[in-house]
Amino acid sequence: MRLVQQSGHLAAILDTDTVLSVGGAGKRSLVGKSITDKVTEIMAARQSYLANKSEGGEIVPIANDSDYAATAEIIVPIVAGGDCLGAVVLLSNEEGAVLESNAVKLARLTADIIANQFE
């Protein structure tokens, strides 16, 4: 997954129910699992979510029954034609990790590219 190469972080593509695809270290603990209610709420709000634990942010679990312990995350909904189709997620489990503006831009660009395929 090029998103992993470009960002240097674990990357996941979600639909509205499931983690569809994951690339990077730790992917086995996420792929194929159902997403959490909190992620569903973030997607329904159609707003990006950024949290860095080292800065006091609240890390939202991505998948139910997953043991992946993220320390930083970005969740960007994929919106096409006014409907939320899923999300692009970047995660880090490194101690003190901070996902910054370049990672946010990359996740947003990826979500936009995916959304354009459905319009």
PDB file of N, CA and C in Angstrom:
ATOM      1  N   MET A   1       0.850  -1.171   0.000  1.00  0.00           N
ATOM      2  CA  MET A   1       0.000   0.000   0.000  1.00  0.00           C
ATOM      3  C   MET A   1       0.898   1.238   0.000  1.00  0.00           C
ATOM      4  N   ARG A   2       0.781   2.040  -1.042  1.00  0.00           N
ATOM      5  CA  ARG A   2       1.625   3.231  -1.169  1.00  0.00           C
ATOM      6  C   ARG A   2       1.432   4.236  -0.038  1.00  0.00           C
ATOM      7  N   LEU A   3       0.267   4.261   0.517  1.00  0.00           N
ATOM      8  CA  LEU A   3      -0.011   5.179   1.618  1.00  0.00           C
ATOM      9  C   LEU A   3       0.930   4.920   2.795  1.00  0.00           C
ATOM     10  N   VAL A   4       1.245   3.668   3.037  1.00  0.00           N
ATOM     11  CA  VAL A   4       2.191   3.303   4.100  1.00  0.00           C
ATOM     12  C   VAL A   4       3.574   3.822   3.760  1.00  0.00           C
ATOM     13  N   GLN A   5       3.986   3.636   2.517  1.00  0.00           N
ATOM     14  CA  GLN A   5       5.313   4.097   2.087  1.00  0.00           C
ATOM     15  C   GLN A   5       5.434   5.608   2.182  1.00  0.00           C
ATOM     16  N   GLN A   6       4.401   6.316   1.766  1.00  0.00           N
ATOM     17  CA  GLN A   6       4.440   7.778   1.772  1.00  0.00           C
ATOM     18  C   GLN A   6       4.364   8.368   3.175  1.00  0.00           C
ATOM     19  N   SER A   7       3.555   7.751   4.035  1.00  0.00           N
ATOM     20  CA  SER A   7       3.335   8.325   5.368  1.00  0.00           C
ATOM     21  C   SER A   7       4.301   7.783   6.414  1.00  0.00           C
ATOM     22  N   GLY A   8       4.753   6.541   6.219  1.00  0.00           N
ATOM     23  CA  GLY A   8       5.591   5.907   7.223  1.00  0.00           C
ATOM     24  C   GLY A   8       4.800   5.351   8.400  1.00  0.00           C
ATOM     25  N   HIS A   9       3.487   5.293   8.253  1.00  0.00           N
ATOM     26  CA  HIS A   9       2.610   4.821   9.334  1.00  0.00           C
ATOM     27  C   HIS A   9       1.715   3.702   8.833  1.00  0.00           C
ATOM     28  N   LEU A  10       1.113   2.979   9.767  1.00  0.00           N
ATOM     29  CA  LEU A  10       0.127   1.981   9.412  1.00  0.00           C
ATOM     30  C   LEU A  10      -1.052   2.708   8.771  1.00  0.00           C
ATOM     31  N   ALA A  11      -1.560   2.169   7.668  1.00  0.00           N
ATOM     32  CA  ALA A  11      -2.662   2.798   6.952  1.00  0.00           C
ATOM     33  C   ALA A  11      -3.789   1.797   6.786  1.00  0.00           C
ATOM     34  N   ALA A  12      -5.024   2.278   6.936  1.00  0.00           N
ATOM     35  CA  ALA A  12      -6.186   1.411   6.786  1.00  0.00           C
ATOM     36  C   ALA A  12      -7.259   2.108   5.969  1.00  0.00           C
ATOM     37  N   ILE A  13      -7.987   1.313   5.207  1.00  0.00           N
ATOM     38  CA  ILE A  13      -9.153   1.789   4.474  1.00  0.00           C
ATOM     39  C   ILE A  13     -10.361   1.073   5.069  1.00  0.00           C
ATOM     40  N   LEU A  14     -11.356   1.857   5.468  1.00  0.00           N
ATOM     41  CA  LEU A  14     -12.562   1.310   6.092  1.00  0.00           C
ATOM     42  C   LEU A  14     -13.762   1.551   5.197  1.00  0.00           C
ATOM     43  N   ASP A  15     -14.738   0.645   5.255  1.00  0.00           N
ATOM     44  CA  ASP A  15     -16.053   1.004   4.746  1.00  0.00           C
ATOM     45  C   ASP A  15     -16.884   1.366   5.967  1.00  0.00           C
ATOM     46  N   THR A  16     -18.178   1.401   5.866  1.00  0.00           N
ATOM     47  CA  THR A  16     -18.978   1.850   7.006  1.00  0.00           C
ATOM     48  C   THR A  16     -19.157   0.781   8.076  1.00  0.00           C
ATOM     49  N   ASP A  17     -18.642  -0.414   7.834  1.00  0.00           N
ATOM     50  CA  ASP A  17     -18.790  -1.509   8.795  1.00  0.00           C
ATOM     51  C   ASP A  17     -17.489  -2.200   9.187  1.00  0.00           C
ATOM     52  N   THR A  18     -16.527  -2.250   8.265  1.00  0.00           N
ATOM     53  CA  THR A  18     -15.389  -3.150   8.400  1.00  0.00           C
ATOM     54  C   THR A  18     -14.082  -2.485   7.997  1.00  0.00           C
ATOM     55  N   VAL A  19     -12.994  -2.972   8.556  1.00  0.00           N
ATOM     56  CA  VAL A  19     -11.656  -2.586   8.108  1.00  0.00           C
ATOM     57  C   VAL A  19     -11.369  -3.428   6.868  1.00  0.00           C
ATOM     58  N   LEU A  20     -11.356  -2.781   5.690  1.00  0.00           N
ATOM     59  CA  LEU A  20     -11.230  -3.498   4.425  1.00  0.00           C
ATOM     60  C   LEU A  20      -9.800  -3.868   4.083  1.00  0.00           C
ATOM     61  N   SER A  21      -8.888  -2.917   4.254  1.00  0.00           N
ATOM     62  CA  SER A  21      -7.508  -3.113   3.846  1.00  0.00           C
ATOM     63  C   SER A  21      -6.590  -2.407   4.831  1.00  0.00           C
ATOM     64  N   VAL A  22      -5.470  -3.038   5.132  1.00  0.00           N
ATOM     65  CA  VAL A  22      -4.501  -2.458   6.059  1.00  0.00           C
ATOM     66  C   VAL A  22      -3.104  -2.739   5.534  1.00  0.00           C
ATOM     67  N   GLY A  23      -2.234  -1.756   5.646  1.00  0.00           N
ATOM     68  CA  GLY A  23      -0.839  -1.936   5.284  1.00  0.00           C
ATOM     69  C   GLY A  23       0.039  -1.421   6.404  1.00  0.00           C
ATOM     70  N   GLY A  24       1.154  -2.104   6.621  1.00  0.00           N
ATOM     71  CA  GLY A  24       2.090  -1.670   7.651  1.00  0.00           C
ATOM     72  C   GLY A  24       2.132  -2.636   8.819  1.00  0.00           C
ATOM     73  N   ALA A  25       3.049  -2.364   9.731  1.00  0.00           N
ATOM     74  CA  ALA A  25       3.235  -3.219  10.907  1.00  0.00           C
ATOM     75  C   ALA A  25       2.001  -3.178  11.802  1.00  0.00           C
ATOM     76  N   GLY A  26       1.483  -4.336  12.156  1.00  0.00           N
ATOM     77  CA  GLY A  26       0.307  -4.425  13.013  1.00  0.00           C
ATOM     78  C   GLY A  26      -0.980  -4.659  12.268  1.00  0.00           C
ATOM     79  N   LYS A  27      -0.896  -4.866  10.949  1.00  0.00           N
ATOM     80  CA  LYS A  27      -2.113  -4.975  10.152  1.00  0.00           C
ATOM     81  C   LYS A  27      -2.973  -6.181  10.511  1.00  0.00           C
ATOM     82  N   ARG A  28      -2.363  -7.246  10.973  1.00  0.00           N
ATOM     83  CA  ARG A  28      -3.138  -8.454  11.292  1.00  0.00           C
ATOM     84  C   ARG A  28      -4.140  -8.222  12.420  1.00  0.00           C
ATOM     85  N   SER A  29      -3.846  -7.262  13.298  1.00  0.00           N
ATOM     86  CA  SER A  29      -4.762  -7.024  14.419  1.00  0.00           C
ATOM     87  C   SER A  29      -5.973  -6.180  14.012  1.00  0.00           C
ATOM     88  N   LEU A  30      -6.003  -5.690  12.763  1.00  0.00           N
ATOM     89  CA  LEU A  30      -7.098  -4.822  12.330  1.00  0.00           C
ATOM     90  C   LEU A  30      -7.897  -5.355  11.143  1.00  0.00           C
ATOM     91  N   VAL A  31      -7.231  -5.954  10.178  1.00  0.00           N
ATOM     92  CA  VAL A  31      -7.885  -6.303   8.910  1.00  0.00           C
ATOM     93  C   VAL A  31      -9.045  -7.270   9.128  1.00  0.00           C
ATOM     94  N   GLY A  32     -10.170  -6.940   8.472  1.00  0.00           N
ATOM     95  CA  GLY A  32     -11.350  -7.779   8.527  1.00  0.00           C
ATOM     96  C   GLY A  32     -12.227  -7.591   9.752  1.00  0.00           C
ATOM     97  N   LYS A  33     -11.814  -6.753  10.682  1.00  0.00           N
ATOM     98  CA  LYS A  33     -12.587  -6.555  11.913  1.00  0.00           C
ATOM     99  C   LYS A  33     -13.651  -5.475  11.712  1.00  0.00           C
ATOM    100  N   SER A  34     -14.687  -5.555  12.525  1.00  0.00           N
ATOM    101  CA  SER A  34     -15.729  -4.534  12.473  1.00  0.00           C
ATOM    102  C   SER A  34     -15.222  -3.258  13.143  1.00  0.00           C
ATOM    103  N   ILE A  35     -15.694  -2.117  12.649  1.00  0.00           N
ATOM    104  CA  ILE A  35     -15.235  -0.840  13.206  1.00  0.00           C
ATOM    105  C   ILE A  35     -16.045  -0.498  14.455  1.00  0.00           C
ATOM    106  N   THR A  36     -15.462   0.350  15.291  1.00  0.00           N
ATOM    107  CA  THR A  36     -16.105   0.724  16.546  1.00  0.00           C
ATOM    108  C   THR A  36     -17.215   1.753  16.317  1.00  0.00           C
ATOM    109  N   ASP A  37     -18.095   1.879  17.284  1.00  0.00           N
ATOM    110  CA  ASP A  37     -19.175   2.863  17.215  1.00  0.00           C
ATOM    111  C   ASP A  37     -18.621   4.280  17.145  1.00  0.00           C
ATOM    112  N   LYS A  38     -17.523   4.545  17.842  1.00  0.00           N
ATOM    113  CA  LYS A  38     -16.937   5.894  17.842  1.00  0.00           C
ATOM    114  C   LYS A  38     -16.439   6.266  16.446  1.00  0.00           C
ATOM    115  N   VAL A  39     -15.836   5.330  15.737  1.00  0.00           N
ATOM    116  CA  VAL A  39     -15.390   5.598  14.364  1.00  0.00           C
ATOM    117  C   VAL A  39     -16.610   5.846  13.469  1.00  0.00           C
ATOM    118  N   THR A  40     -17.669   5.088  13.680  1.00  0.00           N
ATOM    119  CA  THR A  40     -18.899   5.288  12.925  1.00  0.00           C
ATOM    120  C   THR A  40     -19.435   6.703  13.151  1.00  0.00           C
ATOM    121  N   GLU A  41     -19.383   7.185  14.395  1.00  0.00           N
ATOM    122  CA  GLU A  41     -19.825   8.553  14.710  1.00  0.00           C
ATOM    123  C   GLU A  41     -18.961   9.591  14.000  1.00  0.00           C
ATOM    124  N   ILE A  42     -17.647   9.382  13.992  1.00  0.00           N
ATOM    125  CA  ILE A  42     -16.734  10.320  13.320  1.00  0.00           C
ATOM    126  C   ILE A  42     -17.049  10.369  11.827  1.00  0.00           C
ATOM    127  N   MET A  43     -17.264   9.208  11.223  1.00  0.00           N
ATOM    128  CA  MET A  43     -17.586   9.170   9.792  1.00  0.00           C
ATOM    129  C   MET A  43     -18.927   9.835   9.518  1.00  0.00           C
ATOM    130  N   ALA A  44     -19.911   9.608  10.374  1.00  0.00           N
ATOM    131  CA  ALA A  44     -21.237  10.202  10.185  1.00  0.00           C
ATOM    132  C   ALA A  44     -21.179  11.728  10.256  1.00  0.00           C
ATOM    133  N   ALA A  45     -20.274  12.252  11.066  1.00  0.00           N
ATOM    134  CA  ALA A  45     -20.114  13.705  11.195  1.00  0.00           C
ATOM    135  C   ALA A  45     -19.377  14.309   9.998  1.00  0.00           C
ATOM    136  N   ARG A  46     -18.766  13.449   9.176  1.00  0.00           N
ATOM    137  CA  ARG A  46     -18.026  13.881   7.981  1.00  0.00           C
ATOM    138  C   ARG A  46     -16.921  14.885   8.309  1.00  0.00           C
ATOM    139  N   GLN A  47     -16.304  14.688   9.465  1.00  0.00           N
ATOM    140  CA  GLN A  47     -15.209  15.551   9.904  1.00  0.00           C
ATOM    141  C   GLN A  47     -13.971  14.695  10.150  1.00  0.00           C
ATOM    142  N   SER A  48     -12.810  15.223   9.786  1.00  0.00           N
ATOM    143  CA  SER A  48     -11.562  14.513  10.068  1.00  0.00           C
ATOM    144  C   SER A  48     -11.291  14.540  11.564  1.00  0.00           C
ATOM    145  N   TYR A  49     -10.583  13.528  12.037  1.00  0.00           N
ATOM    146  CA  TYR A  49     -10.260  13.415  13.459  1.00  0.00           C
ATOM    147  C   TYR A  49      -8.770  13.162  13.591  1.00  0.00           C
ATOM    148  N   LEU A  50      -8.095  13.972  14.388  1.00  0.00           N
ATOM    149  CA  LEU A  50      -6.659  13.846  14.635  1.00  0.00           C
ATOM    150  C   LEU A  50      -6.426  13.803  16.129  1.00  0.00           C
ATOM    151  N   ALA A  51      -5.671  12.807  16.590  1.00  0.00           N
ATOM    152  CA  ALA A  51      -5.348  12.705  18.013  1.00  0.00           C
ATOM    153  C   ALA A  51      -3.922  12.190  18.177  1.00  0.00           C
ATOM    154  N   ASN A  52      -3.178  12.872  19.031  1.00  0.00           N
ATOM    155  CA  ASN A  52      -1.833  12.455  19.413  1.00  0.00           C
ATOM    156  C   ASN A  52      -1.829  12.282  20.921  1.00  0.00           C
ATOM    157  N   LYS A  53      -1.633  11.061  21.373  1.00  0.00           N
ATOM    158  CA  LYS A  53      -1.661  10.769  22.807  1.00  0.00           C
ATOM    159  C   LYS A  53      -0.636  11.606  23.564  1.00  0.00           C
ATOM    160  N   SER A  54       0.533  11.826  22.947  1.00  0.00           N
ATOM    161  CA  SER A  54       1.599  12.586  23.608  1.00  0.00           C
ATOM    162  C   SER A  54       1.201  14.042  23.850  1.00  0.00           C
ATOM    163  N   GLU A  55       0.176  14.516  23.127  1.00  0.00           N
ATOM    164  CA  GLU A  55      -0.314  15.888  23.303  1.00  0.00           C
ATOM    165  C   GLU A  55      -1.641  15.916  24.052  1.00  0.00           C
ATOM    166  N   GLY A  56      -2.025  14.782  24.640  1.00  0.00           N
ATOM    167  CA  GLY A  56      -3.249  14.713  25.419  1.00  0.00           C
ATOM    168  C   GLY A  56      -4.490  14.360  24.638  1.00  0.00           C
ATOM    169  N   GLY A  57      -4.343  13.979  23.374  1.00  0.00           N
ATOM    170  CA  GLY A  57      -5.488  13.637  22.554  1.00  0.00           C
ATOM    171  C   GLY A  57      -6.089  12.295  22.930  1.00  0.00           C
ATOM    172  N   GLU A  58      -7.390  12.150  22.675  1.00  0.00           N
ATOM    173  CA  GLU A  58      -8.091  10.896  22.961  1.00  0.00           C
ATOM    174  C   GLU A  58      -7.986   9.976  21.745  1.00  0.00           C
ATOM    175  N   ILE A  59      -7.303   8.857  21.920  1.00  0.00           N
ATOM    176  CA  ILE A  59      -7.159   7.880  20.848  1.00  0.00           C
ATOM    177  C   ILE A  59      -8.437   7.036  20.772  1.00  0.00           C
ATOM    178  N   VAL A  60      -9.036   7.008  19.604  1.00  0.00           N
ATOM    179  CA  VAL A  60     -10.266   6.265  19.374  1.00  0.00           C
ATOM    180  C   VAL A  60      -9.898   4.886  18.823  1.00  0.00           C
ATOM    181  N   PRO A  61     -10.346   3.817  19.467  1.00  0.00           N
ATOM    182  CA  PRO A  61     -10.097   2.485  18.901  1.00  0.00           C
ATOM    183  C   PRO A  61     -10.763   2.364  17.531  1.00  0.00           C
ATOM    184  N   ILE A  62     -10.045   1.805  16.564  1.00  0.00           N
ATOM    185  CA  ILE A  62     -10.561   1.701  15.202  1.00  0.00           C
ATOM    186  C   ILE A  62     -11.467   0.488  15.036  1.00  0.00           C
ATOM    187  N   ALA A  63     -11.003  -0.652  15.533  1.00  0.00           N
ATOM    188  CA  ALA A  63     -11.727  -1.905  15.305  1.00  0.00           C
ATOM    189  C   ALA A  63     -12.071  -2.588  16.617  1.00  0.00           C
ATOM    190  N   ASN A  64     -13.214  -3.228  16.625  1.00  0.00           N
ATOM    191  CA  ASN A  64     -13.609  -4.046  17.769  1.00  0.00           C
ATOM    192  C   ASN A  64     -12.697  -5.263  17.847  1.00  0.00           C
ATOM    193  N   ASP A  65     -12.396  -5.707  19.048  1.00  0.00           N
ATOM    194  CA  ASP A  65     -11.583  -6.909  19.271  1.00  0.00           C
ATOM    195  C   ASP A  65     -10.182  -6.804  18.668  1.00  0.00           C
ATOM    196  N   SER A  66      -9.619  -5.607  18.643  1.00  0.00           N
ATOM    197  CA  SER A  66      -8.263  -5.421  18.142  1.00  0.00           C
ATOM    198  C   SER A  66      -7.346  -5.079  19.305  1.00  0.00           C
ATOM    199  N   ASP A  67      -6.126  -5.597  19.244  1.00  0.00           N
ATOM    200  CA  ASP A  67      -5.163  -5.299  20.301  1.00  0.00           C
ATOM    201  C   ASP A  67      -4.142  -4.248  19.859  1.00  0.00           C
ATOM    202  N   TYR A  68      -4.398  -3.561  18.740  1.00  0.00           N
ATOM    203  CA  TYR A  68      -3.479  -2.529  18.266  1.00  0.00           C
ATOM    204  C   TYR A  68      -3.594  -1.313  19.177  1.00  0.00           C
ATOM    205  N   ALA A  69      -2.500  -0.947  19.808  1.00  0.00           N
ATOM    206  CA  ALA A  69      -2.486   0.167  20.756  1.00  0.00           C
ATOM    207  C   ALA A  69      -1.884   1.409  20.097  1.00  0.00           C
ATOM    208  N   ALA A  70      -2.724   2.198  19.478  1.00  0.00           N
ATOM    209  CA  ALA A  70      -2.261   3.402  18.779  1.00  0.00           C
ATOM    210  C   ALA A  70      -1.887   4.499  19.773  1.00  0.00           C
ATOM    211  N   THR A  71      -0.888   5.289  19.393  1.00  0.00           N
ATOM    212  CA  THR A  71      -0.504   6.457  20.178  1.00  0.00           C
ATOM    213  C   THR A  71      -0.786   7.747  19.408  1.00  0.00           C
ATOM    214  N   ALA A  72      -1.107   7.607  18.119  1.00  0.00           N
ATOM    215  CA  ALA A  72      -1.469   8.750  17.286  1.00  0.00           C
ATOM    216  C   ALA A  72      -2.324   8.233  16.139  1.00  0.00           C
ATOM    217  N   GLU A  73      -3.306   9.046  15.713  1.00  0.00           N
ATOM    218  CA  GLU A  73      -4.193   8.596  14.640  1.00  0.00           C
ATOM    219  C   GLU A  73      -4.806   9.763  13.882  1.00  0.00           C
ATOM    220  N   ILE A  74      -5.118   9.471  12.639  1.00  0.00           N
ATOM    221  CA  ILE A  74      -5.873  10.386  11.783  1.00  0.00           C
ATOM    222  C   ILE A  74      -6.983   9.559  11.156  1.00  0.00           C
ATOM    223  N   ILE A  75      -8.206  10.068  11.220  1.00  0.00           N
ATOM    224  CA  ILE A  75      -9.350   9.420  10.583  1.00  0.00           C
ATOM    225  C   ILE A  75      -9.975  10.449   9.647  1.00  0.00           C
ATOM    226  N   VAL A  76     -10.006  10.133   8.344  1.00  0.00           N
ATOM    227  CA  VAL A  76     -10.571  11.049   7.355  1.00  0.00           C
ATOM    228  C   VAL A  76     -11.694  10.328   6.614  1.00  0.00           C
ATOM    229  N   PRO A  77     -12.937  10.784   6.784  1.00  0.00           N
ATOM    230  CA  PRO A  77     -14.054  10.150   6.085  1.00  0.00           C
ATOM    231  C   PRO A  77     -13.928  10.269   4.562  1.00  0.00           C
ATOM    232  N   ILE A  78     -14.402   9.248   3.872  1.00  0.00           N
ATOM    233  CA  ILE A  78     -14.481   9.252   2.411  1.00  0.00           C
ATOM    234  C   ILE A  78     -15.918   9.617   2.073  1.00  0.00           C
ATOM    235  N   VAL A  79     -16.116  10.801   1.493  1.00  0.00           N
ATOM    236  CA  VAL A  79     -17.463  11.305   1.210  1.00  0.00           C
ATOM    237  C   VAL A  79     -17.616  11.512  -0.296  1.00  0.00           C
ATOM    238  N   ALA A  80     -18.629  10.863  -0.869  1.00  0.00           N
ATOM    239  CA  ALA A  80     -18.931  10.998  -2.300  1.00  0.00           C
ATOM    240  C   ALA A  80     -20.424  11.229  -2.462  1.00  0.00           C
ATOM    241  N   GLY A  81     -20.773  12.265  -3.189  1.00  0.00           N
ATOM    242  CA  GLY A  81     -22.177  12.558  -3.425  1.00  0.00           C
ATOM    243  C   GLY A  81     -22.957  12.806  -2.155  1.00  0.00           C
ATOM    244  N   GLY A  82     -22.292  13.312  -1.131  1.00  0.00           N
ATOM    245  CA  GLY A  82     -22.940  13.598   0.144  1.00  0.00           C
ATOM    246  C   GLY A  82     -23.041  12.404   1.077  1.00  0.00           C
ATOM    247  N   ASP A  83     -22.658  11.226   0.605  1.00  0.00           N
ATOM    248  CA  ASP A  83     -22.721  10.011   1.434  1.00  0.00           C
ATOM    249  C   ASP A  83     -21.335   9.634   1.931  1.00  0.00           C
ATOM    250  N   CYS A  84     -21.268   9.204   3.168  1.00  0.00           N
ATOM    251  CA  CYS A  84     -20.002   8.723   3.715  1.00  0.00           C
ATOM    252  C   CYS A  84     -19.869   7.249   3.351  1.00  0.00           C
ATOM    253  N   LEU A  85     -18.788   6.919   2.642  1.00  0.00           N
ATOM    254  CA  LEU A  85     -18.569   5.555   2.170  1.00  0.00           C
ATOM    255  C   LEU A  85     -17.606   4.772   3.052  1.00  0.00           C
ATOM    256  N   GLY A  86     -16.880   5.487   3.907  1.00  0.00           N
ATOM    257  CA  GLY A  86     -15.870   4.847   4.747  1.00  0.00           C
ATOM    258  C   GLY A  86     -14.873   5.876   5.225  1.00  0.00           C
ATOM    259  N   ALA A  87     -13.626   5.436   5.447  1.00  0.00           N
ATOM    260  CA  ALA A  87     -12.600   6.362   5.933  1.00  0.00           C
ATOM    261  C   ALA A  87     -11.205   5.862   5.590  1.00  0.00           C
ATOM    262  N   VAL A  88     -10.292   6.816   5.537  1.00  0.00           N
ATOM    263  CA  VAL A  88      -8.862   6.537   5.445  1.00  0.00           C
ATOM    264  C   VAL A  88      -8.301   6.803   6.830  1.00  0.00           C
ATOM    265  N   VAL A  89      -7.497   5.870   7.336  1.00  0.00           N
ATOM    266  CA  VAL A  89      -6.950   5.991   8.688  1.00  0.00           C
ATOM    267  C   VAL A  89      -5.439   5.813   8.643  1.00  0.00           C
ATOM    268  N   LEU A  90      -4.723   6.687   9.322  1.00  0.00           N
ATOM    269  CA  LEU A  90      -3.293   6.525   9.556  1.00  0.00           C
ATOM    270  C   LEU A  90      -3.098   6.362  11.054  1.00  0.00           C
ATOM    271  N   LEU A  91      -2.276   5.379  11.448  1.00  0.00           N
ATOM    272  CA  LEU A  91      -2.042   5.082  12.858  1.00  0.00           C
ATOM    273  C   LEU A  91      -0.560   4.916  13.143  1.00  0.00           C
ATOM    274  N   SER A  92      -0.172   5.272  14.350  1.00  0.00           N
ATOM    275  CA  SER A  92       1.171   4.988  14.834  1.00  0.00           C
ATOM    276  C   SER A  92       1.061   4.402  16.228  1.00  0.00           C
ATOM    277  N   ASN A  93       1.944   3.463  16.530  1.00  0.00           N
ATOM    278  CA  ASN A  93       1.990   2.927  17.890  1.00  0.00           C
ATOM    279  C   ASN A  93       3.336   3.208  18.550  1.00  0.00           C
ATOM    280  N   GLU A  94       4.097   4.117  17.958  1.00  0.00           N
ATOM    281  CA  GLU A  94       5.383   4.498  18.521  1.00  0.00           C
ATOM    282  C   GLU A  94       5.168   5.446  19.702  1.00  0.00           C
ATOM    283  N   GLU A  95       5.923   5.232  20.759  1.00  0.00           N
ATOM    284  CA  GLU A  95       5.818   6.083  21.946  1.00  0.00           C
ATOM    285  C   GLU A  95       6.159   7.529  21.577  1.00  0.00           C
ATOM    286  N   GLY A  96       5.305   8.457  21.951  1.00  0.00           N
ATOM    287  CA  GLY A  96       5.544   9.877  21.687  1.00  0.00           C
ATOM    288  C   GLY A  96       5.287  10.304  20.255  1.00  0.00           C
ATOM    289  N   ALA A  97       4.682   9.440  19.452  1.00  0.00           N
ATOM    290  CA  ALA A  97       4.420   9.760  18.046  1.00  0.00           C
ATOM    291  C   ALA A  97       3.480  10.953  17.914  1.00  0.00           C
ATOM    292  N   VAL A  98       3.747  11.767  16.905  1.00  0.00           N
ATOM    293  CA  VAL A  98       2.894  12.902  16.582  1.00  0.00           C
ATOM    294  C   VAL A  98       2.666  12.893  15.078  1.00  0.00           C
ATOM    295  N   LEU A  99       1.405  12.758  14.671  1.00  0.00           N
ATOM    296  CA  LEU A  99       1.062  12.846  13.255  1.00  0.00           C
ATOM    297  C   LEU A  99       0.788  14.309  12.949  1.00  0.00           C
ATOM    298  N   GLU A 100       1.510  14.832  11.978  1.00  0.00           N
ATOM    299  CA  GLU A 100       1.442  16.271  11.709  1.00  0.00           C
ATOM    300  C   GLU A 100       0.728  16.574  10.400  1.00  0.00           C
ATOM    301  N   SER A 101       0.792  17.822   9.987  1.00  0.00           N
ATOM    302  CA  SER A 101       0.007  18.316   8.862  1.00  0.00           C
ATOM    303  C   SER A 101       0.264  17.565   7.561  1.00  0.00           C
ATOM    304  N   ASN A 102       1.485  17.131   7.294  1.00  0.00           N
ATOM    305  CA  ASN A 102       1.740  16.404   6.051  1.00  0.00           C
ATOM    306  C   ASN A 102       0.979  15.086   6.014  1.00  0.00           C
ATOM    307  N   ALA A 103       0.905  14.399   7.135  1.00  0.00           N
ATOM    308  CA  ALA A 103       0.152  13.147   7.206  1.00  0.00           C
ATOM    309  C   ALA A 103      -1.341  13.411   7.038  1.00  0.00           C
ATOM    310  N   VAL A 104      -1.834  14.490   7.612  1.00  0.00           N
ATOM    311  CA  VAL A 104      -3.243  14.865   7.460  1.00  0.00           C
ATOM    312  C   VAL A 104      -3.547  15.139   5.989  1.00  0.00           C
ATOM    313  N   LYS A 105      -2.696  15.894   5.325  1.00  0.00           N
ATOM    314  CA  LYS A 105      -2.894  16.209   3.909  1.00  0.00           C
ATOM    315  C   LYS A 105      -2.886  14.953   3.060  1.00  0.00           C
ATOM    316  N   LEU A 106      -1.978  14.034   3.350  1.00  0.00           N
ATOM    317  CA  LEU A 106      -1.885  12.791   2.610  1.00  0.00           C
ATOM    318  C   LEU A 106      -3.148  11.949   2.789  1.00  0.00           C
ATOM    319  N   ALA A 107      -3.654  11.857   4.017  1.00  0.00           N
ATOM    320  CA  ALA A 107      -4.881  11.098   4.272  1.00  0.00           C
ATOM    321  C   ALA A 107      -6.073  11.752   3.577  1.00  0.00           C
ATOM    322  N   ARG A 108      -6.154  13.065   3.599  1.00  0.00           N
ATOM    323  CA  ARG A 108      -7.260  13.773   2.929  1.00  0.00           C
ATOM    324  C   ARG A 108      -7.203  13.577   1.418  1.00  0.00           C
ATOM    325  N   LEU A 109      -6.007  13.665   0.857  1.00  0.00           N
ATOM    326  CA  LEU A 109      -5.844  13.457  -0.581  1.00  0.00           C
ATOM    327  C   LEU A 109      -6.273  12.046  -0.966  1.00  0.00           C
ATOM    328  N   THR A 110      -5.878  11.066  -0.192  1.00  0.00           N
ATOM    329  CA  THR A 110      -6.257   9.679  -0.463  1.00  0.00           C
ATOM    330  C   THR A 110      -7.769   9.508  -0.391  1.00  0.00           C
ATOM    331  N   ALA A 111      -8.397  10.084   0.631  1.00  0.00           N
ATOM    332  CA  ALA A 111      -9.856  10.007   0.754  1.00  0.00           C
ATOM    333  C   ALA A 111     -10.539  10.673  -0.440  1.00  0.00           C
ATOM    334  N   ASP A 112     -10.015  11.803  -0.891  1.00  0.00           N
ATOM    335  CA  ASP A 112     -10.583  12.498  -2.052  1.00  0.00           C
ATOM    336  C   ASP A 112     -10.457  11.671  -3.321  1.00  0.00           C
ATOM    337  N   ILE A 113      -9.312  11.036  -3.500  1.00  0.00           N
ATOM    338  CA  ILE A 113      -9.100  10.197  -4.700  1.00  0.00           C
ATOM    339  C   ILE A 113     -10.080   9.026  -4.700  1.00  0.00           C
ATOM    340  N   ILE A 114     -10.243   8.392  -3.561  1.00  0.00           N
ATOM    341  CA  ILE A 114     -11.178   7.267  -3.471  1.00  0.00           C
ATOM    342  C   ILE A 114     -12.613   7.756  -3.727  1.00  0.00           C
ATOM    343  N   ALA A 115     -12.987   8.874  -3.104  1.00  0.00           N
ATOM    344  CA  ALA A 115     -14.346   9.420  -3.293  1.00  0.00           C
ATOM    345  C   ALA A 115     -14.622   9.737  -4.751  1.00  0.00           C
ATOM    346  N   ASN A 116     -13.630  10.277  -5.465  1.00  0.00           N
ATOM    347  CA  ASN A 116     -13.819  10.634  -6.875  1.00  0.00           C
ATOM    348  C   ASN A 116     -14.087   9.414  -7.748  1.00  0.00           C
ATOM    349  N   GLN A 117     -13.659   8.239  -7.312  1.00  0.00           N
ATOM    350  CA  GLN A 117     -13.923   7.013  -8.065  1.00  0.00           C
ATOM    351  C   GLN A 117     -15.397   6.622  -8.003  1.00  0.00           C
ATOM    352  N   PHE A 118     -16.130   7.170  -7.045  1.00  0.00           N
ATOM    353  CA  PHE A 118     -17.533   6.818  -6.855  1.00  0.00           C
ATOM    354  C   PHE A 118     -18.491   7.899  -7.357  1.00  0.00           C
ATOM    355  N   GLU A 119     -17.951   9.013  -7.817  1.00  0.00           N
ATOM    356  CA  GLU A 119     -18.820  10.102  -8.299  1.00  0.00           C
ATOM    357  C   GLU A 119     -19.013  10.052  -9.794  1.00  0.00           C
TER     358      GLU A 119
END
